[in-house]
Amino acid sequence: MKEIEVLENDAGQRLDKFLMKTFPDLSKSMMYKGIRKKKIKVNRKRCTYDQMLQPHDHILLFLPPDVLKEKEREVPSASTQLDIVFEDQNLLIINKPAGLLSQSDQKEKQDCVVSRVQAYLYQKGEYTMADHSFAPTICHRLDRNTAGLIIAAKNANTLRIINQAIAERAIKKQYRALVSGTFLLDSFQMHGYLKKEGTKAIVKDKPTPGFAEAYMDVKIISKKKDATWCDILLHTGRFHQIRAMMGHFHHPLFGDHKYGYEGPEKQYSLIAYRLDLRNVPMEISQRIFEI
């Protein structure tokens, strides 16, 4: 028999999700059978797979020891180099440089914002790895070659609040992009439908099965002979949305050969320069961040 106490950062999630994260050798079939047969209990009572865990709940598992080995966690050893724009007890606002991954493939464990955040907080003593399933992480991602502001959550409650705010479009994200060509209008809205296929986003002009609606406001900042600096306010956050939509409408980002740029430049310019958190329902001493 194994007993686990649910800590603050592990609470607020379904029992089955928690068990899958905590015990990598526990199969789904054995877990669901264990719940049905009362070999998995919460607070010594019968439970359900979708039961929401509360702080200080006690989970009892009457299962073979070989499937109850907890997921091993390595002590964070990544670089702690971060350009921190803001920090409080709940979150970090980080200015990510172009070229750094937001999140790496777990198999490869590459240098990324997530590993740096965890190493930084571990060094500060704010990440002890005592939680069974939670680790500090980012709330959204930027492409490797996109620079700018990323929100990272220090605890599970903050992660849930920020993720919900993003889903409800309560957080406003603005970008600056250097795109090919010039526009007749000084401000307009781009609208389309996107679908991720492999490492690229495909854009359609009309509703299409499997494609998600995407739109963004574009404001012209300055014009050159063959290029335009644009201020972009995202209303949806689809995969490669800015790059794909600009390419689809024949204004690919300078240097973005994946989406139609044909010049010699190899590095595109896209910066997530502003975050507006005024509509996020949590205590934050600063609400607008800009670089």
C-alpha atoms as a PDB file:
ATOM      1  CA  MET A   1       0.000   0.000   0.000  1.00  0.00           C
ATOM      2  CA  LYS A   2       1.170   3.520  -0.817  1.00  0.00           C
ATOM      3  CA  GLU A   3      -0.238   6.737   0.630  1.00  0.00           C
ATOM      4  CA  ILE A   4       0.258  10.217  -0.833  1.00  0.00           C
ATOM      5  CA  GLU A   5      -0.790  13.562   0.566  1.00  0.00           C
ATOM      6  CA  VAL A   6      -1.990  16.085  -1.989  1.00  0.00           C
ATOM      7  CA  LEU A   7      -0.092  19.376  -1.599  1.00  0.00           C
ATOM      8  CA  GLU A   8      -1.311  22.850  -2.605  1.00  0.00           C
ATOM      9  CA  ASN A   9       0.269  22.750  -6.090  1.00  0.00           C
ATOM     10  CA  ASP A  10      -1.107  19.277  -6.821  1.00  0.00           C
ATOM     11  CA  ALA A  11      -4.683  20.190  -5.830  1.00  0.00           C
ATOM     12  CA  GLY A  12      -7.339  21.415  -8.217  1.00  0.00           C
ATOM     13  CA  GLN A  13      -6.874  18.630 -10.772  1.00  0.00           C
ATOM     14  CA  ARG A  14      -8.678  15.375 -11.490  1.00  0.00           C
ATOM     15  CA  LEU A  15      -7.575  12.246  -9.698  1.00  0.00           C
ATOM     16  CA  ASP A  16      -6.816  10.349 -12.925  1.00  0.00           C
ATOM     17  CA  LYS A  17      -4.702  13.221 -14.321  1.00  0.00           C
ATOM     18  CA  PHE A  18      -2.720  13.401 -11.092  1.00  0.00           C
ATOM     19  CA  LEU A  19      -2.090   9.659 -11.001  1.00  0.00           C
ATOM     20  CA  MET A  20      -0.951   9.543 -14.637  1.00  0.00           C
ATOM     21  CA  LYS A  21       1.565  12.334 -14.018  1.00  0.00           C
ATOM     22  CA  THR A  22       2.826  10.894 -10.737  1.00  0.00           C
ATOM     23  CA  PHE A  23       3.157   7.197 -11.647  1.00  0.00           C
ATOM     24  CA  PRO A  24       4.500   6.742 -15.199  1.00  0.00           C
ATOM     25  CA  ASP A  25       4.426   2.916 -14.906  1.00  0.00           C
ATOM     26  CA  LEU A  26       0.755   2.808 -13.900  1.00  0.00           C
ATOM     27  CA  SER A  27      -1.364   1.924 -16.939  1.00  0.00           C
ATOM     28  CA  LYS A  28      -4.710   3.612 -17.501  1.00  0.00           C
ATOM     29  CA  SER A  29      -6.529   0.287 -17.464  1.00  0.00           C
ATOM     30  CA  MET A  30      -5.026  -0.689 -14.085  1.00  0.00           C
ATOM     31  CA  MET A  31      -5.767   2.765 -12.676  1.00  0.00           C
ATOM     32  CA  TYR A  32      -9.436   2.777 -13.744  1.00  0.00           C
ATOM     33  CA  LYS A  33      -9.898  -0.809 -12.552  1.00  0.00           C
ATOM     34  CA  GLY A  34      -8.268   0.105  -9.232  1.00  0.00           C
ATOM     35  CA  ILE A  35     -10.714   2.986  -8.785  1.00  0.00           C
ATOM     36  CA  ARG A  36     -13.704   0.747  -9.634  1.00  0.00           C
ATOM     37  CA  LYS A  37     -12.533  -2.045  -7.305  1.00  0.00           C
ATOM     38  CA  LYS A  38     -11.789   0.414  -4.446  1.00  0.00           C
ATOM     39  CA  LYS A  39      -8.072  -0.348  -4.595  1.00  0.00           C
ATOM     40  CA  ILE A  40      -7.540   3.373  -5.021  1.00  0.00           C
ATOM     41  CA  LYS A  41      -9.237   5.558  -2.421  1.00  0.00           C
ATOM     42  CA  VAL A  42      -9.229   9.212  -1.407  1.00  0.00           C
ATOM     43  CA  ASN A  43      -9.362   9.909   2.332  1.00  0.00           C
ATOM     44  CA  ARG A  44     -10.114   6.202   2.842  1.00  0.00           C
ATOM     45  CA  LYS A  45     -13.351   6.533   0.891  1.00  0.00           C
ATOM     46  CA  ARG A  46     -14.506   5.348  -2.491  1.00  0.00           C
ATOM     47  CA  CYS A  47     -13.518   7.828  -5.219  1.00  0.00           C
ATOM     48  CA  THR A  48     -14.167   8.565  -8.878  1.00  0.00           C
ATOM     49  CA  TYR A  49     -11.641   9.041 -11.665  1.00  0.00           C
ATOM     50  CA  ASP A  50     -12.825  12.630 -12.268  1.00  0.00           C
ATOM     51  CA  GLN A  51     -12.843  13.623  -8.601  1.00  0.00           C
ATOM     52  CA  MET A  52     -11.180  17.009  -8.085  1.00  0.00           C
ATOM     53  CA  LEU A  53      -8.369  16.783  -5.564  1.00  0.00           C
ATOM     54  CA  GLN A  54      -8.262  19.162  -2.607  1.00  0.00           C
ATOM     55  CA  PRO A  55      -5.242  20.272  -0.562  1.00  0.00           C
ATOM     56  CA  HIS A  56      -4.278  17.669   2.054  1.00  0.00           C
ATOM     57  CA  ASP A  57      -6.387  14.904   0.548  1.00  0.00           C
ATOM     58  CA  HIS A  58      -4.790  11.499   1.156  1.00  0.00           C
ATOM     59  CA  ILE A  59      -4.690   9.032  -1.732  1.00  0.00           C
ATOM     60  CA  LEU A  60      -4.329   5.364  -0.841  1.00  0.00           C
ATOM     61  CA  LEU A  61      -3.224   2.902  -3.511  1.00  0.00           C
ATOM     62  CA  PHE A  62      -3.480  -0.846  -2.895  1.00  0.00           C
ATOM     63  CA  LEU A  63      -1.572  -1.802  -6.044  1.00  0.00           C
ATOM     64  CA  PRO A  64       1.649  -3.703  -6.899  1.00  0.00           C
ATOM     65  CA  PRO A  65       4.776  -1.758  -5.817  1.00  0.00           C
ATOM     66  CA  ASP A  66       6.344  -1.957  -9.297  1.00  0.00           C
ATOM     67  CA  VAL A  67       3.671   0.373 -10.769  1.00  0.00           C
ATOM     68  CA  LEU A  68       3.871   2.848  -7.894  1.00  0.00           C
ATOM     69  CA  LYS A  69       7.336   4.198  -8.494  1.00  0.00           C
ATOM     70  CA  GLU A  70       6.987   7.982  -8.632  1.00  0.00           C
ATOM     71  CA  LYS A  71       8.305   9.939 -11.582  1.00  0.00           C
ATOM     72  CA  GLU A  72      11.941  10.807 -10.988  1.00  0.00           C
ATOM     73  CA  ARG A  73      12.863  14.482 -11.002  1.00  0.00           C
ATOM     74  CA  GLU A  74      16.342  15.708 -11.751  1.00  0.00           C
ATOM     75  CA  VAL A  75      17.773  18.641  -9.842  1.00  0.00           C
ATOM     76  CA  PRO A  76      17.600  21.605 -12.272  1.00  0.00           C
ATOM     77  CA  SER A  77      21.068  22.222 -13.664  1.00  0.00           C
ATOM     78  CA  ALA A  78      20.316  24.513 -16.607  1.00  0.00           C
ATOM     79  CA  SER A  79      21.500  28.068 -17.031  1.00  0.00           C
ATOM     80  CA  THR A  80      19.746  30.583 -14.780  1.00  0.00           C
ATOM     81  CA  GLN A  81      20.287  33.414 -17.252  1.00  0.00           C
ATOM     82  CA  LEU A  82      16.968  35.211 -17.653  1.00  0.00           C
ATOM     83  CA  ASP A  83      16.001  38.749 -18.597  1.00  0.00           C
ATOM     84  CA  ILE A  84      13.328  39.209 -15.908  1.00  0.00           C
ATOM     85  CA  VAL A  85      10.998  42.122 -16.558  1.00  0.00           C
ATOM     86  CA  PHE A  86       8.796  41.499 -13.496  1.00  0.00           C
ATOM     87  CA  GLU A  87       8.628  39.047 -10.589  1.00  0.00           C
ATOM     88  CA  ASP A  88       6.396  38.530  -7.576  1.00  0.00           C
ATOM     89  CA  GLN A  89       5.451  35.553  -5.403  1.00  0.00           C
ATOM     90  CA  ASN A  90       3.288  34.038  -8.141  1.00  0.00           C
ATOM     91  CA  LEU A  91       4.722  34.756 -11.572  1.00  0.00           C
ATOM     92  CA  LEU A  92       7.596  35.906 -13.727  1.00  0.00           C
ATOM     93  CA  ILE A  93       7.475  38.048 -16.875  1.00  0.00           C
ATOM     94  CA  ILE A  94      10.510  37.166 -19.001  1.00  0.00           C
ATOM     95  CA  ASN A  95      11.970  38.798 -22.079  1.00  0.00           C
ATOM     96  CA  LYS A  96      12.982  35.814 -24.232  1.00  0.00           C
ATOM     97  CA  PRO A  97      15.765  36.378 -26.748  1.00  0.00           C
ATOM     98  CA  ALA A  98      15.412  35.172 -30.340  1.00  0.00           C
ATOM     99  CA  GLY A  99      17.059  31.769 -30.752  1.00  0.00           C
ATOM    100  CA  LEU A 100      16.065  30.364 -27.346  1.00  0.00           C
ATOM    101  CA  LEU A 101      13.356  27.694 -27.212  1.00  0.00           C
ATOM    102  CA  SER A 102      10.336  28.375 -25.017  1.00  0.00           C
ATOM    103  CA  GLN A 103      10.006  24.690 -24.143  1.00  0.00           C
ATOM    104  CA  SER A 104      12.091  21.726 -25.200  1.00  0.00           C
ATOM    105  CA  ASP A 105      11.221  18.209 -26.197  1.00  0.00           C
ATOM    106  CA  GLN A 106      11.400  16.247 -22.923  1.00  0.00           C
ATOM    107  CA  LYS A 107      13.468  13.538 -24.600  1.00  0.00           C
ATOM    108  CA  GLU A 108      16.148  15.957 -25.786  1.00  0.00           C
ATOM    109  CA  LYS A 109      16.146  18.303 -22.744  1.00  0.00           C
ATOM    110  CA  GLN A 110      17.422  21.284 -24.685  1.00  0.00           C
ATOM    111  CA  ASP A 111      18.171  24.673 -23.192  1.00  0.00           C
ATOM    112  CA  CYS A 112      14.877  26.584 -22.990  1.00  0.00           C
ATOM    113  CA  VAL A 113      12.937  29.145 -20.975  1.00  0.00           C
ATOM    114  CA  VAL A 114      11.225  26.446 -18.865  1.00  0.00           C
ATOM    115  CA  SER A 115      14.493  24.801 -17.776  1.00  0.00           C
ATOM    116  CA  ARG A 116      16.010  28.202 -16.960  1.00  0.00           C
ATOM    117  CA  VAL A 117      12.960  29.220 -14.922  1.00  0.00           C
ATOM    118  CA  GLN A 118      13.102  25.996 -12.917  1.00  0.00           C
ATOM    119  CA  ALA A 119      16.853  26.319 -12.329  1.00  0.00           C
ATOM    120  CA  TYR A 120      16.464  29.960 -11.308  1.00  0.00           C
ATOM    121  CA  LEU A 121      13.669  29.220  -8.821  1.00  0.00           C
ATOM    122  CA  TYR A 122      15.482  26.149  -7.487  1.00  0.00           C
ATOM    123  CA  GLN A 123      18.561  28.261  -6.829  1.00  0.00           C
ATOM    124  CA  LYS A 124      16.366  30.816  -5.008  1.00  0.00           C
ATOM    125  CA  GLY A 125      14.780  28.071  -2.899  1.00  0.00           C
ATOM    126  CA  GLU A 126      11.316  28.670  -4.371  1.00  0.00           C
ATOM    127  CA  TYR A 127      11.202  25.330  -6.211  1.00  0.00           C
ATOM    128  CA  THR A 128      11.887  22.368  -3.962  1.00  0.00           C
ATOM    129  CA  MET A 129      10.405  19.576  -6.113  1.00  0.00           C
ATOM    130  CA  ALA A 130       8.270  18.494  -3.127  1.00  0.00           C
ATOM    131  CA  ASP A 131       5.122  18.527  -5.257  1.00  0.00           C
ATOM    132  CA  HIS A 132       4.220  15.232  -6.914  1.00  0.00           C
ATOM    133  CA  SER A 133       3.091  16.565 -10.295  1.00  0.00           C
ATOM    134  CA  PHE A 134       3.634  20.333 -10.528  1.00  0.00           C
ATOM    135  CA  ALA A 135       6.775  22.146 -11.651  1.00  0.00           C
ATOM    136  CA  PRO A 136       7.111  25.861 -12.485  1.00  0.00           C
ATOM    137  CA  THR A 137       6.463  26.409 -16.170  1.00  0.00           C
ATOM    138  CA  ILE A 138       5.485  28.937 -18.827  1.00  0.00           C
ATOM    139  CA  CYS A 139       1.840  29.768 -19.552  1.00  0.00           C
ATOM    140  CA  HIS A 140       2.273  30.251 -23.314  1.00  0.00           C
ATOM    141  CA  ARG A 141       5.020  29.887 -25.904  1.00  0.00           C
ATOM    142  CA  LEU A 142       6.870  31.916 -28.480  1.00  0.00           C
ATOM    143  CA  ASP A 143       8.589  30.446 -31.531  1.00  0.00           C
ATOM    144  CA  ARG A 144      12.343  29.928 -31.176  1.00  0.00           C
ATOM    145  CA  ASN A 145      13.146  32.915 -33.416  1.00  0.00           C
ATOM    146  CA  THR A 146      10.484  35.193 -31.935  1.00  0.00           C
ATOM    147  CA  ALA A 147      11.757  37.440 -29.150  1.00  0.00           C
ATOM    148  CA  GLY A 148       9.708  38.997 -26.393  1.00  0.00           C
ATOM    149  CA  LEU A 149       7.550  38.624 -23.323  1.00  0.00           C
ATOM    150  CA  ILE A 150       6.535  35.289 -21.807  1.00  0.00           C
ATOM    151  CA  ILE A 151       4.571  34.665 -18.592  1.00  0.00           C
ATOM    152  CA  ALA A 152       5.839  31.915 -16.264  1.00  0.00           C
ATOM    153  CA  ALA A 153       3.872  30.570 -13.283  1.00  0.00           C
ATOM    154  CA  LYS A 154       5.549  29.715 -10.002  1.00  0.00           C
ATOM    155  CA  ASN A 155       2.583  27.732  -8.663  1.00  0.00           C
ATOM    156  CA  ALA A 156      -0.327  25.695  -9.970  1.00  0.00           C
ATOM    157  CA  ASN A 157      -3.036  28.177  -9.014  1.00  0.00           C
ATOM    158  CA  THR A 158      -1.340  30.959 -10.975  1.00  0.00           C
ATOM    159  CA  LEU A 159      -0.916  28.627 -13.954  1.00  0.00           C
ATOM    160  CA  ARG A 160      -4.646  27.843 -13.916  1.00  0.00           C
ATOM    161  CA  ILE A 161      -5.634  31.535 -13.641  1.00  0.00           C
ATOM    162  CA  ILE A 162      -3.322  32.675 -16.454  1.00  0.00           C
ATOM    163  CA  ASN A 163      -4.268  29.768 -18.723  1.00  0.00           C
ATOM    164  CA  GLN A 164      -7.962  30.505 -18.182  1.00  0.00           C
ATOM    165  CA  ALA A 165      -7.374  34.198 -18.914  1.00  0.00           C
ATOM    166  CA  ILE A 166      -5.569  33.302 -22.142  1.00  0.00           C
ATOM    167  CA  ALA A 167      -8.390  30.943 -23.156  1.00  0.00           C
ATOM    168  CA  GLU A 168     -10.930  33.697 -22.518  1.00  0.00           C
ATOM    169  CA  ARG A 169      -8.769  36.232 -24.424  1.00  0.00           C
ATOM    170  CA  ALA A 170      -8.491  38.385 -21.316  1.00  0.00           C
ATOM    171  CA  ILE A 171      -4.756  38.901 -21.867  1.00  0.00           C
ATOM    172  CA  LYS A 172      -3.873  41.217 -24.730  1.00  0.00           C
ATOM    173  CA  LYS A 173      -0.665  40.383 -26.629  1.00  0.00           C
ATOM    174  CA  GLN A 174       0.928  42.842 -29.035  1.00  0.00           C
ATOM    175  CA  TYR A 175       3.731  42.207 -31.505  1.00  0.00           C
ATOM    176  CA  ARG A 176       6.006  44.188 -33.787  1.00  0.00           C
ATOM    177  CA  ALA A 177       6.834  42.634 -37.156  1.00  0.00           C
ATOM    178  CA  LEU A 178       8.854  43.704 -40.186  1.00  0.00           C
ATOM    179  CA  VAL A 179       6.960  42.464 -43.244  1.00  0.00           C
ATOM    180  CA  SER A 180       7.512  42.565 -46.991  1.00  0.00           C
ATOM    181  CA  GLY A 181       5.852  45.226 -49.118  1.00  0.00           C
ATOM    182  CA  THR A 182       3.555  48.086 -48.156  1.00  0.00           C
ATOM    183  CA  PHE A 183      -0.170  48.467 -47.448  1.00  0.00           C
ATOM    184  CA  LEU A 184      -2.778  50.904 -48.738  1.00  0.00           C
ATOM    185  CA  LEU A 185      -4.479  51.226 -45.329  1.00  0.00           C
ATOM    186  CA  ASP A 186      -2.875  52.391 -42.083  1.00  0.00           C
ATOM    187  CA  SER A 187      -4.899  49.983 -39.961  1.00  0.00           C
ATOM    188  CA  PHE A 188      -7.043  46.931 -40.709  1.00  0.00           C
ATOM    189  CA  GLN A 189      -7.977  43.472 -39.479  1.00  0.00           C
ATOM    190  CA  MET A 190      -6.647  40.203 -40.918  1.00  0.00           C
ATOM    191  CA  HIS A 191      -9.041  37.279 -40.747  1.00  0.00           C
ATOM    192  CA  GLY A 192      -8.728  33.665 -41.818  1.00  0.00           C
ATOM    193  CA  TYR A 193      -8.810  30.010 -40.780  1.00  0.00           C
ATOM    194  CA  LEU A 194      -5.682  28.111 -39.707  1.00  0.00           C
ATOM    195  CA  LYS A 195      -4.653  24.504 -39.339  1.00  0.00           C
ATOM    196  CA  LYS A 196      -1.297  23.131 -38.224  1.00  0.00           C
ATOM    197  CA  GLU A 197       0.205  20.584 -40.616  1.00  0.00           C
ATOM    198  CA  GLY A 198       3.561  19.303 -39.467  1.00  0.00           C
ATOM    199  CA  THR A 199       5.786  22.298 -38.740  1.00  0.00           C
ATOM    200  CA  LYS A 200       3.730  24.736 -40.789  1.00  0.00           C
ATOM    201  CA  ALA A 201       0.342  26.472 -40.549  1.00  0.00           C
ATOM    202  CA  ILE A 202      -2.028  26.392 -43.521  1.00  0.00           C
ATOM    203  CA  VAL A 203      -4.425  29.322 -44.023  1.00  0.00           C
ATOM    204  CA  LYS A 204      -7.844  29.316 -45.687  1.00  0.00           C
ATOM    205  CA  ASP A 205     -10.028  32.329 -46.458  1.00  0.00           C
ATOM    206  CA  LYS A 206     -13.325  30.574 -45.707  1.00  0.00           C
ATOM    207  CA  PRO A 207     -14.499  28.241 -42.909  1.00  0.00           C
ATOM    208  CA  THR A 208     -13.093  24.768 -43.575  1.00  0.00           C
ATOM    209  CA  PRO A 209     -13.447  21.562 -41.517  1.00  0.00           C
ATOM    210  CA  GLY A 210     -10.439  21.153 -39.220  1.00  0.00           C
ATOM    211  CA  PHE A 211      -9.417  24.816 -39.500  1.00  0.00           C
ATOM    212  CA  ALA A 212      -9.759  27.236 -36.556  1.00  0.00           C
ATOM    213  CA  GLU A 213     -10.776  30.861 -36.926  1.00  0.00           C
ATOM    214  CA  ALA A 214      -7.962  33.397 -36.512  1.00  0.00           C
ATOM    215  CA  TYR A 215      -7.924  37.161 -36.580  1.00  0.00           C
ATOM    216  CA  MET A 216      -5.677  40.039 -35.565  1.00  0.00           C
ATOM    217  CA  ASP A 217      -5.560  43.830 -35.799  1.00  0.00           C
ATOM    218  CA  VAL A 218      -2.718  45.353 -37.820  1.00  0.00           C
ATOM    219  CA  LYS A 219      -1.532  48.956 -37.510  1.00  0.00           C
ATOM    220  CA  ILE A 220       1.211  50.421 -39.691  1.00  0.00           C
ATOM    221  CA  ILE A 221       4.062  52.025 -37.731  1.00  0.00           C
ATOM    222  CA  SER A 222       6.479  52.976 -40.514  1.00  0.00           C
ATOM    223  CA  LYS A 223       7.084  52.235 -44.180  1.00  0.00           C
ATOM    224  CA  LYS A 224      10.207  51.714 -46.230  1.00  0.00           C
ATOM    225  CA  LYS A 225      10.588  51.177 -49.949  1.00  0.00           C
ATOM    226  CA  ASP A 226       9.908  47.448 -49.797  1.00  0.00           C
ATOM    227  CA  ALA A 227       9.034  46.776 -46.149  1.00  0.00           C
ATOM    228  CA  THR A 228       6.671  47.819 -43.367  1.00  0.00           C
ATOM    229  CA  TRP A 229       6.916  47.774 -39.594  1.00  0.00           C
ATOM    230  CA  CYS A 230       3.562  46.646 -38.191  1.00  0.00           C
ATOM    231  CA  ASP A 231       2.012  46.691 -34.724  1.00  0.00           C
ATOM    232  CA  ILE A 232      -0.137  43.552 -34.344  1.00  0.00           C
ATOM    233  CA  LEU A 233      -2.754  42.877 -31.673  1.00  0.00           C
ATOM    234  CA  LEU A 234      -3.656  39.184 -31.532  1.00  0.00           C
ATOM    235  CA  HIS A 235      -7.251  38.218 -30.833  1.00  0.00           C
ATOM    236  CA  THR A 236      -6.525  34.505 -31.277  1.00  0.00           C
ATOM    237  CA  GLY A 237      -3.302  32.654 -30.635  1.00  0.00           C
ATOM    238  CA  ARG A 238      -3.037  30.044 -33.372  1.00  0.00           C
ATOM    239  CA  PHE A 239       0.155  28.203 -34.277  1.00  0.00           C
ATOM    240  CA  HIS A 240       2.418  30.524 -36.344  1.00  0.00           C
ATOM    241  CA  GLN A 241      -0.573  32.844 -36.734  1.00  0.00           C
ATOM    242  CA  ILE A 242       1.254  36.092 -37.561  1.00  0.00           C
ATOM    243  CA  ARG A 243       3.796  34.437 -39.844  1.00  0.00           C
ATOM    244  CA  ALA A 244       1.245  32.281 -41.671  1.00  0.00           C
ATOM    245  CA  MET A 245      -1.368  34.989 -42.167  1.00  0.00           C
ATOM    246  CA  MET A 246       1.131  37.572 -43.366  1.00  0.00           C
ATOM    247  CA  GLY A 247       2.516  35.037 -45.815  1.00  0.00           C
ATOM    248  CA  HIS A 248      -0.960  34.038 -46.979  1.00  0.00           C
ATOM    249  CA  PHE A 249      -1.809  37.665 -47.756  1.00  0.00           C
ATOM    250  CA  HIS A 250       1.463  38.129 -49.681  1.00  0.00           C
ATOM    251  CA  HIS A 251       3.326  40.104 -47.006  1.00  0.00           C
ATOM    252  CA  PRO A 252       5.620  37.494 -45.419  1.00  0.00           C
ATOM    253  CA  LEU A 253       7.912  38.567 -42.621  1.00  0.00           C
ATOM    254  CA  PHE A 254      11.322  39.676 -43.850  1.00  0.00           C
ATOM    255  CA  GLY A 255      13.551  36.584 -43.726  1.00  0.00           C
ATOM    256  CA  ASP A 256      10.680  34.125 -43.184  1.00  0.00           C
ATOM    257  CA  HIS A 257      11.308  31.725 -46.074  1.00  0.00           C
ATOM    258  CA  LYS A 258       8.911  29.145 -44.628  1.00  0.00           C
ATOM    259  CA  TYR A 259       5.998  31.450 -45.398  1.00  0.00           C
ATOM    260  CA  GLY A 260       6.965  32.872 -48.749  1.00  0.00           C
ATOM    261  CA  TYR A 261       9.817  35.328 -48.316  1.00  0.00           C
ATOM    262  CA  GLU A 262      12.183  35.146 -51.306  1.00  0.00           C
ATOM    263  CA  GLY A 263      14.959  37.606 -50.398  1.00  0.00           C
ATOM    264  CA  PRO A 264      18.438  36.869 -49.006  1.00  0.00           C
ATOM    265  CA  GLU A 265      17.720  37.610 -45.331  1.00  0.00           C
ATOM    266  CA  LYS A 266      17.621  34.527 -43.100  1.00  0.00           C
ATOM    267  CA  GLN A 267      16.395  35.900 -39.755  1.00  0.00           C
ATOM    268  CA  TYR A 268      12.892  37.303 -39.445  1.00  0.00           C
ATOM    269  CA  SER A 269      11.970  40.140 -37.066  1.00  0.00           C
ATOM    270  CA  LEU A 270       9.037  39.402 -34.763  1.00  0.00           C
ATOM    271  CA  ILE A 271       8.863  40.726 -31.202  1.00  0.00           C
ATOM    272  CA  ALA A 272       6.183  40.118 -28.557  1.00  0.00           C
ATOM    273  CA  TYR A 273       6.671  43.555 -27.071  1.00  0.00           C
ATOM    274  CA  ARG A 274       3.574  44.177 -24.916  1.00  0.00           C
ATOM    275  CA  LEU A 275       1.350  42.248 -22.477  1.00  0.00           C
ATOM    276  CA  ASP A 276      -1.798  43.682 -20.946  1.00  0.00           C
ATOM    277  CA  LEU A 277      -2.972  41.778 -17.836  1.00  0.00           C
ATOM    278  CA  ARG A 278      -5.555  44.306 -16.620  1.00  0.00           C
ATOM    279  CA  ASN A 279      -8.398  41.783 -16.978  1.00  0.00           C
ATOM    280  CA  VAL A 280      -6.651  38.936 -15.151  1.00  0.00           C
ATOM    281  CA  PRO A 281      -8.450  38.137 -11.849  1.00  0.00           C
ATOM    282  CA  MET A 282      -5.457  37.989  -9.498  1.00  0.00           C
ATOM    283  CA  GLU A 283      -3.351  40.325  -7.390  1.00  0.00           C
ATOM    284  CA  ILE A 284      -0.570  41.826  -9.517  1.00  0.00           C
ATOM    285  CA  SER A 285       1.176  45.083  -8.620  1.00  0.00           C
ATOM    286  CA  GLN A 286       1.801  45.841 -12.305  1.00  0.00           C
ATOM    287  CA  ARG A 287      -0.626  45.088 -15.122  1.00  0.00           C
ATOM    288  CA  ILE A 288       1.003  46.304 -18.338  1.00  0.00           C
ATOM    289  CA  PHE A 289       4.439  45.193 -19.467  1.00  0.00           C
ATOM    290  CA  GLU A 290       6.298  46.575 -22.458  1.00  0.00           C
ATOM    291  CA  ILE A 291       9.779  46.269 -23.914  1.00  0.00           C
END
